[in-house]
Amino acid sequence: MDILRKANDRFDNHSDPAVRGAWRDVRDRVKGLRSAVKASHHSERAPRETVQLKKRRALKRLKRLREKASSRLYRTTLDDLEEEIRDTPVRV
């Protein structure tokens, strides 16, 4: 199962609206990062700096989500998502 879908199932129905909002922001950043990486694979439309910037922004948003949803229940999902972001190649 895709880690983004798994995280979406977990965070989308959270009782705290701040957590849901932070999650939507993280989800959008990760989707943007995946899109930039995919574009750089197919053509040179997404330069290295763009991928680096999207990666850095996604990690910042993930850090904010960690602060809002600090429960141990969410830790493994967030760890998996952070690992995916960090393992994303900047240079193709």
N, C-alpha and C. Protein backbone atom coordinates (compact mmCIF):
# COMPACT_ATOMS: atom_id res chain seq x y z
N MET A 1 0.85 -1.18 0.00
CA MET A 1 0.00 0.00 0.00
C MET A 1 0.89 1.24 0.00
N ASP A 2 0.52 2.21 -0.77
CA ASP A 2 1.25 3.45 -0.85
C ASP A 2 1.24 4.16 0.51
N ILE A 3 2.39 4.65 0.93
CA ILE A 3 2.50 5.29 2.25
C ILE A 3 1.63 6.54 2.33
N LEU A 4 1.48 7.25 1.22
CA LEU A 4 0.65 8.45 1.24
C LEU A 4 -0.81 8.10 1.45
N ARG A 5 -1.28 7.02 0.84
CA ARG A 5 -2.66 6.59 1.03
C ARG A 5 -2.89 6.11 2.47
N LYS A 6 -1.92 5.38 2.99
CA LYS A 6 -2.01 4.89 4.36
C LYS A 6 -2.08 6.07 5.34
N ALA A 7 -1.23 7.06 5.13
CA ALA A 7 -1.24 8.24 6.00
C ALA A 7 -2.53 9.02 5.83
N ASN A 8 -3.03 9.10 4.62
CA ASN A 8 -4.28 9.82 4.38
C ASN A 8 -5.43 9.17 5.14
N ASP A 9 -5.48 7.85 5.12
CA ASP A 9 -6.52 7.14 5.87
C ASP A 9 -6.42 7.42 7.36
N ARG A 10 -5.21 7.58 7.83
CA ARG A 10 -5.00 7.79 9.26
C ARG A 10 -5.29 9.23 9.69
N PHE A 11 -4.88 10.21 8.90
CA PHE A 11 -4.97 11.61 9.33
C PHE A 11 -6.21 12.34 8.84
N ASP A 12 -6.80 11.90 7.75
CA ASP A 12 -7.91 12.64 7.16
C ASP A 12 -9.13 12.72 8.08
N ASN A 13 -9.31 11.76 8.94
CA ASN A 13 -10.47 11.76 9.84
C ASN A 13 -10.09 12.10 11.27
N HIS A 14 -8.96 12.76 11.46
CA HIS A 14 -8.51 13.12 12.81
C HIS A 14 -9.49 14.10 13.43
N SER A 15 -9.66 14.01 14.74
CA SER A 15 -10.64 14.86 15.42
C SER A 15 -10.19 16.32 15.52
N ASP A 16 -8.89 16.57 15.48
CA ASP A 16 -8.37 17.93 15.59
C ASP A 16 -8.26 18.57 14.20
N PRO A 17 -8.97 19.67 13.97
CA PRO A 17 -8.90 20.30 12.64
C PRO A 17 -7.50 20.82 12.30
N ALA A 18 -6.70 21.19 13.30
CA ALA A 18 -5.34 21.65 13.04
C ALA A 18 -4.49 20.52 12.47
N VAL A 19 -4.70 19.32 12.97
CA VAL A 19 -3.96 18.15 12.46
C VAL A 19 -4.40 17.84 11.03
N ARG A 20 -5.71 17.91 10.78
CA ARG A 20 -6.20 17.66 9.42
C ARG A 20 -5.63 18.68 8.44
N GLY A 21 -5.59 19.93 8.86
CA GLY A 21 -5.03 20.97 7.99
C GLY A 21 -3.55 20.78 7.73
N ALA A 22 -2.81 20.45 8.79
CA ALA A 22 -1.38 20.19 8.64
C ALA A 22 -1.15 18.98 7.74
N TRP A 23 -2.00 17.97 7.88
CA TRP A 23 -1.86 16.78 7.04
C TRP A 23 -2.10 17.12 5.57
N ARG A 24 -3.14 17.90 5.29
CA ARG A 24 -3.42 18.27 3.89
C ARG A 24 -2.24 19.01 3.27
N ASP A 25 -1.60 19.86 4.08
CA ASP A 25 -0.43 20.60 3.61
C ASP A 25 0.72 19.64 3.29
N VAL A 26 0.97 18.68 4.18
CA VAL A 26 2.02 17.69 3.95
C VAL A 26 1.69 16.87 2.70
N ARG A 27 0.45 16.43 2.59
CA ARG A 27 0.04 15.62 1.44
C ARG A 27 0.29 16.37 0.13
N ASP A 28 -0.09 17.64 0.08
CA ASP A 28 0.10 18.43 -1.13
C ASP A 28 1.58 18.61 -1.45
N ARG A 29 2.39 18.81 -0.42
CA ARG A 29 3.84 18.97 -0.63
C ARG A 29 4.47 17.68 -1.15
N VAL A 30 4.07 16.56 -0.61
CA VAL A 30 4.63 15.28 -1.06
C VAL A 30 4.19 14.99 -2.50
N LYS A 31 2.95 15.29 -2.81
CA LYS A 31 2.48 15.10 -4.19
C LYS A 31 3.26 15.99 -5.15
N GLY A 32 3.52 17.24 -4.74
CA GLY A 32 4.31 18.15 -5.56
C GLY A 32 5.73 17.66 -5.76
N LEU A 33 6.31 17.12 -4.70
CA LEU A 33 7.66 16.56 -4.79
C LEU A 33 7.69 15.38 -5.74
N ARG A 34 6.73 14.48 -5.61
CA ARG A 34 6.67 13.32 -6.51
C ARG A 34 6.51 13.77 -7.95
N SER A 35 5.69 14.77 -8.17
CA SER A 35 5.46 15.29 -9.51
C SER A 35 6.74 15.89 -10.10
N ALA A 36 7.47 16.65 -9.29
CA ALA A 36 8.71 17.26 -9.76
C ALA A 36 9.75 16.20 -10.10
N VAL A 37 9.83 15.17 -9.29
CA VAL A 37 10.78 14.09 -9.55
C VAL A 37 10.40 13.36 -10.83
N LYS A 38 9.11 13.10 -10.99
CA LYS A 38 8.64 12.42 -12.20
C LYS A 38 8.94 13.26 -13.44
N ALA A 39 8.73 14.58 -13.34
CA ALA A 39 9.00 15.46 -14.47
C ALA A 39 10.48 15.48 -14.80
N SER A 40 11.32 15.46 -13.78
CA SER A 40 12.76 15.49 -14.04
C SER A 40 13.24 14.17 -14.63
N HIS A 41 12.53 13.08 -14.39
CA HIS A 41 12.88 11.80 -15.01
C HIS A 41 12.56 11.83 -16.50
N HIS A 42 11.43 12.43 -16.86
CA HIS A 42 10.98 12.39 -18.24
C HIS A 42 11.59 13.49 -19.10
N SER A 43 11.85 14.61 -18.51
CA SER A 43 12.46 15.72 -19.24
C SER A 43 13.21 16.56 -18.23
N GLU A 44 13.82 17.59 -18.69
CA GLU A 44 14.58 18.45 -17.78
C GLU A 44 13.76 19.67 -17.36
N ARG A 45 12.46 19.50 -17.23
CA ARG A 45 11.61 20.63 -16.84
C ARG A 45 11.80 21.00 -15.38
N ALA A 46 12.04 20.04 -14.54
CA ALA A 46 12.19 20.32 -13.11
C ALA A 46 13.67 20.26 -12.75
N PRO A 47 14.31 21.42 -12.63
CA PRO A 47 15.73 21.41 -12.30
C PRO A 47 15.99 20.91 -10.88
N ARG A 48 17.22 20.62 -10.62
CA ARG A 48 17.64 20.08 -9.33
C ARG A 48 17.22 20.98 -8.17
N GLU A 49 17.33 22.30 -8.35
CA GLU A 49 16.98 23.24 -7.29
C GLU A 49 15.50 23.16 -6.94
N THR A 50 14.66 22.93 -7.93
CA THR A 50 13.22 22.81 -7.69
C THR A 50 12.93 21.59 -6.83
N VAL A 51 13.56 20.49 -7.15
CA VAL A 51 13.34 19.26 -6.38
C VAL A 51 13.86 19.45 -4.96
N GLN A 52 15.03 20.08 -4.82
CA GLN A 52 15.58 20.34 -3.49
C GLN A 52 14.64 21.20 -2.67
N LEU A 53 14.11 22.25 -3.28
CA LEU A 53 13.20 23.15 -2.58
C LEU A 53 11.93 22.43 -2.16
N LYS A 54 11.35 21.65 -3.05
CA LYS A 54 10.13 20.91 -2.72
C LYS A 54 10.39 19.89 -1.62
N LYS A 55 11.55 19.28 -1.65
CA LYS A 55 11.92 18.30 -0.63
C LYS A 55 12.05 18.99 0.74
N ARG A 56 12.73 20.13 0.77
CA ARG A 56 12.91 20.87 2.01
C ARG A 56 11.57 21.35 2.58
N ARG A 57 10.71 21.84 1.71
CA ARG A 57 9.39 22.31 2.17
C ARG A 57 8.54 21.16 2.70
N ALA A 58 8.61 20.03 2.04
CA ALA A 58 7.84 18.86 2.50
C ALA A 58 8.32 18.42 3.88
N LEU A 59 9.63 18.44 4.10
CA LEU A 59 10.17 18.06 5.41
C LEU A 59 9.78 19.05 6.50
N LYS A 60 9.73 20.34 6.16
CA LYS A 60 9.30 21.35 7.14
C LYS A 60 7.85 21.14 7.53
N ARG A 61 7.01 20.87 6.55
CA ARG A 61 5.59 20.65 6.84
C ARG A 61 5.40 19.38 7.65
N LEU A 62 6.18 18.37 7.36
CA LEU A 62 6.11 17.12 8.11
C LEU A 62 6.51 17.35 9.57
N LYS A 63 7.50 18.19 9.78
CA LYS A 63 7.92 18.52 11.15
C LYS A 63 6.77 19.20 11.90
N ARG A 64 6.07 20.11 11.22
CA ARG A 64 4.93 20.79 11.84
C ARG A 64 3.82 19.81 12.18
N LEU A 65 3.58 18.86 11.30
CA LEU A 65 2.56 17.84 11.55
C LEU A 65 2.95 16.98 12.74
N ARG A 66 4.23 16.66 12.86
CA ARG A 66 4.70 15.88 14.01
C ARG A 66 4.41 16.59 15.32
N GLU A 67 4.57 17.91 15.34
CA GLU A 67 4.30 18.68 16.55
C GLU A 67 2.82 18.65 16.91
N LYS A 68 1.97 18.71 15.91
CA LYS A 68 0.52 18.75 16.17
C LYS A 68 -0.03 17.36 16.50
N ALA A 69 0.48 16.34 15.85
CA ALA A 69 0.00 14.96 16.08
C ALA A 69 1.14 14.17 16.70
N SER A 70 1.37 14.39 17.97
CA SER A 70 2.54 13.79 18.62
C SER A 70 2.28 12.40 19.19
N SER A 71 1.12 11.84 18.96
CA SER A 71 0.78 10.52 19.48
C SER A 71 1.68 9.44 18.89
N ARG A 72 1.95 8.42 19.69
CA ARG A 72 2.78 7.30 19.22
C ARG A 72 2.10 6.54 18.09
N LEU A 73 0.78 6.62 18.04
CA LEU A 73 0.02 5.95 17.00
C LEU A 73 0.43 6.42 15.60
N TYR A 74 0.76 7.71 15.49
CA TYR A 74 1.09 8.29 14.19
C TYR A 74 2.58 8.26 13.88
N ARG A 75 3.40 7.95 14.86
CA ARG A 75 4.85 8.06 14.69
C ARG A 75 5.39 7.18 13.56
N THR A 76 4.94 5.93 13.47
CA THR A 76 5.48 5.04 12.44
C THR A 76 5.09 5.50 11.04
N THR A 77 3.86 5.98 10.90
CA THR A 77 3.42 6.48 9.60
C THR A 77 4.25 7.69 9.19
N LEU A 78 4.47 8.60 10.14
CA LEU A 78 5.26 9.79 9.84
C LEU A 78 6.72 9.43 9.57
N ASP A 79 7.24 8.45 10.29
CA ASP A 79 8.62 8.00 10.04
C ASP A 79 8.76 7.44 8.64
N ASP A 80 7.79 6.63 8.21
CA ASP A 80 7.83 6.06 6.86
C ASP A 80 7.76 7.15 5.80
N LEU A 81 6.91 8.13 6.03
CA LEU A 81 6.76 9.22 5.08
C LEU A 81 8.03 10.06 5.03
N GLU A 82 8.62 10.33 6.19
CA GLU A 82 9.87 11.09 6.22
C GLU A 82 10.99 10.34 5.50
N GLU A 83 11.04 9.04 5.68
CA GLU A 83 12.05 8.23 5.01
C GLU A 83 11.89 8.31 3.49
N GLU A 84 10.64 8.26 3.03
CA GLU A 84 10.40 8.37 1.59
C GLU A 84 10.86 9.73 1.06
N ILE A 85 10.57 10.79 1.80
CA ILE A 85 10.96 12.13 1.37
C ILE A 85 12.48 12.25 1.34
N ARG A 86 13.14 11.80 2.39
CA ARG A 86 14.60 11.90 2.47
C ARG A 86 15.29 11.03 1.40
N ASP A 87 14.70 9.91 1.04
CA ASP A 87 15.29 9.02 0.05
C ASP A 87 15.02 9.45 -1.39
N THR A 88 14.22 10.48 -1.56
CA THR A 88 13.92 10.97 -2.90
C THR A 88 15.19 11.55 -3.51
N PRO A 89 15.59 11.06 -4.68
CA PRO A 89 16.83 11.57 -5.29
C PRO A 89 16.65 12.99 -5.80
N VAL A 90 17.63 13.84 -5.50
CA VAL A 90 17.57 15.22 -5.96
C VAL A 90 18.06 15.30 -7.39
N ARG A 91 19.07 14.53 -7.68
CA ARG A 91 19.62 14.51 -9.03
C ARG A 91 19.26 13.19 -9.68
N VAL A 92 18.77 13.28 -10.88
CA VAL A 92 18.33 12.08 -11.59
C VAL A 92 19.40 11.60 -12.53
